[in-house]
C-alpha atoms as a PDB file:
ATOM      1  CA  MET A   1     141.634  -0.840-161.276  1.00  0.00           C
ATOM      2  CA  ASP A   2     143.959   1.306-163.053  1.00  0.00           C
ATOM      3  CA  ASN A   3     143.313   4.930-162.134  1.00  0.00           C
ATOM      4  CA  LYS A   4     145.187   6.261-165.965  1.00  0.00           C
ATOM      5  CA  MET A   5     143.252   4.082-167.293  1.00  0.00           C
ATOM      6  CA  THR A   6     141.288   6.918-170.255  1.00  0.00           C
ATOM      7  CA  PHE A   7     137.629   6.786-171.548  1.00  0.00           C
ATOM      8  CA  GLU A   8     138.476   5.165-174.709  1.00  0.00           C
ATOM      9  CA  GLN A   9     140.547   2.567-173.137  1.00  0.00           C
ATOM     10  CA  ALA A  10     138.087   1.704-170.045  1.00  0.00           C
ATOM     11  CA  ASN A  11     134.830   1.382-172.818  1.00  0.00           C
ATOM     12  CA  GLN A  12     137.192  -0.449-175.479  1.00  0.00           C
ATOM     13  CA  LYS A  13     137.940  -3.364-172.536  1.00  0.00           C
ATOM     14  CA  LEU A  14     134.204  -3.448-171.811  1.00  0.00           C
ATOM     15  CA  ASP A  15     133.109  -4.000-174.792  1.00  0.00           C
ATOM     16  CA  GLU A  16     135.919  -6.744-175.309  1.00  0.00           C
ATOM     17  CA  THR A  17     134.380  -8.021-171.466  1.00  0.00           C
ATOM     18  CA  VAL A  18     131.057  -8.007-173.079  1.00  0.00           C
ATOM     19  CA  ARG A  19     131.980 -10.401-175.806  1.00  0.00           C
ATOM     20  CA  LYS A  20     134.296 -12.135-173.390  1.00  0.00           C
ATOM     21  CA  LEU A  21     131.137 -12.736-171.632  1.00  0.00           C
ATOM     22  CA  GLU A  22     128.679 -13.765-174.940  1.00  0.00           C
ATOM     23  CA  ASP A  23     131.191 -16.964-174.939  1.00  0.00           C
ATOM     24  CA  LYS A  24     128.576 -19.889-174.152  1.00  0.00           C
ATOM     25  CA  SER A  25     131.627 -22.355-172.895  1.00  0.00           C
ATOM     26  CA  LEU A  26     132.947 -19.662-169.614  1.00  0.00           C
ATOM     27  CA  SER A  27     132.815 -21.522-166.453  1.00  0.00           C
ATOM     28  CA  LEU A  28     130.740 -19.757-163.596  1.00  0.00           C
ATOM     29  CA  ALA A  29     132.933 -18.681-161.570  1.00  0.00           C
ATOM     30  CA  GLU A  30     134.941 -17.310-164.878  1.00  0.00           C
ATOM     31  CA  SER A  31     131.790 -15.513-166.425  1.00  0.00           C
ATOM     32  CA  MET A  32     131.164 -13.567-162.477  1.00  0.00           C
ATOM     33  CA  GLU A  33     135.020 -12.623-162.422  1.00  0.00           C
ATOM     34  CA  LEU A  34     134.305 -10.941-165.785  1.00  0.00           C
ATOM     35  CA  TYR A  35     130.971  -9.863-164.780  1.00  0.00           C
ATOM     36  CA  ALA A  36     132.213  -7.686-161.973  1.00  0.00           C
ATOM     37  CA  GLN A  37     134.902  -6.461-163.763  1.00  0.00           C
ATOM     38  CA  ALA A  38     132.505  -5.080-166.762  1.00  0.00           C
ATOM     39  CA  CYS A  39     130.714  -3.410-163.783  1.00  0.00           C
ATOM     40  CA  GLU A  40     134.117  -1.983-162.034  1.00  0.00           C
ATOM     41  CA  LEU A  41     134.689   0.034-166.473  1.00  0.00           C
ATOM     42  CA  LEU A  42     131.505   1.249-166.042  1.00  0.00           C
ATOM     43  CA  ARG A  43     131.497   2.615-162.948  1.00  0.00           C
ATOM     44  CA  PHE A  44     134.644   4.225-164.157  1.00  0.00           C
ATOM     45  CA  CYS A  45     132.670   4.954-167.310  1.00  0.00           C
ATOM     46  CA  VAL A  46     129.510   6.926-166.373  1.00  0.00           C
ATOM     47  CA  LYS A  47     131.891   8.235-163.624  1.00  0.00           C
ATOM     48  CA  GLU A  48     134.158   9.957-166.022  1.00  0.00           C
ATOM     49  CA  LEU A  49     131.238  10.807-168.418  1.00  0.00           C
ATOM     50  CA  ASP A  50     129.041  12.656-165.608  1.00  0.00           C
ATOM     51  CA  ALA A  51     132.478  14.599-164.957  1.00  0.00           C
ATOM     52  CA  TYR A  52     132.690  16.347-168.716  1.00  0.00           C
ATOM     53  CA  LYS A  53     128.802  16.568-168.436  1.00  0.00           C
ATOM     54  CA  GLY A  54     129.415  19.052-165.770  1.00  0.00           C
ATOM     55  CA  GLN A  55     131.982  20.243-167.335  1.00  0.00           C
ATOM     56  CA  ILE A  56     129.900  21.084-170.490  1.00  0.00           C
ATOM     57  CA  THR A  57     126.929  22.079-168.487  1.00  0.00           C
ATOM     58  CA  GLU A  58     129.550  24.920-166.862  1.00  0.00           C
ATOM     59  CA  ILE A  59     130.526  25.715-171.172  1.00  0.00           C
ATOM     60  CA  HIS A  60     127.059  25.994-171.645  1.00  0.00           C
ATOM     61  CA  LYS A  61     125.512  28.226-168.251  1.00  0.00           C
ATOM     62  CA  ARG A  62     129.057  30.812-169.018  1.00  0.00           C
ATOM     63  CA  ILE A  63     127.905  31.182-172.752  1.00  0.00           C
ATOM     64  CA  ILE A  64     124.095  31.471-172.041  1.00  0.00           C
ATOM     65  CA  GLU A  65     125.598  34.312-169.807  1.00  0.00           C
ATOM     66  CA  LYS A  66     127.912  35.972-172.150  1.00  0.00           C
ATOM     67  CA  ARG A  67     124.388  36.140-174.275  1.00  0.00           C
ATOM     68  CA  GLU A  68     122.068  37.749-171.350  1.00  0.00           C
ATOM     69  CA  GLU A  69     124.946  40.328-171.099  1.00  0.00           C
ATOM     70  CA  GLU A  70     125.273  40.860-174.611  1.00  0.00           C
ATOM     71  CA  GLN A  71     121.475  41.502-175.204  1.00  0.00           C
END
């Protein structure tokens, strides 16, 4: 997977891959290849979301600490 891909690009590609998987005319081999791609894209998206969640948690923690200092 392209390490320079953004979350938005990966999410869009994941949507496209899922639409392709819904095509009933795909062979089993094609479906398996697309499924593997979808899993990798999903893994990337979850990793990106987890990273941002960590950043948001840290910012929230600093806000709470600042409020407590002001009281």
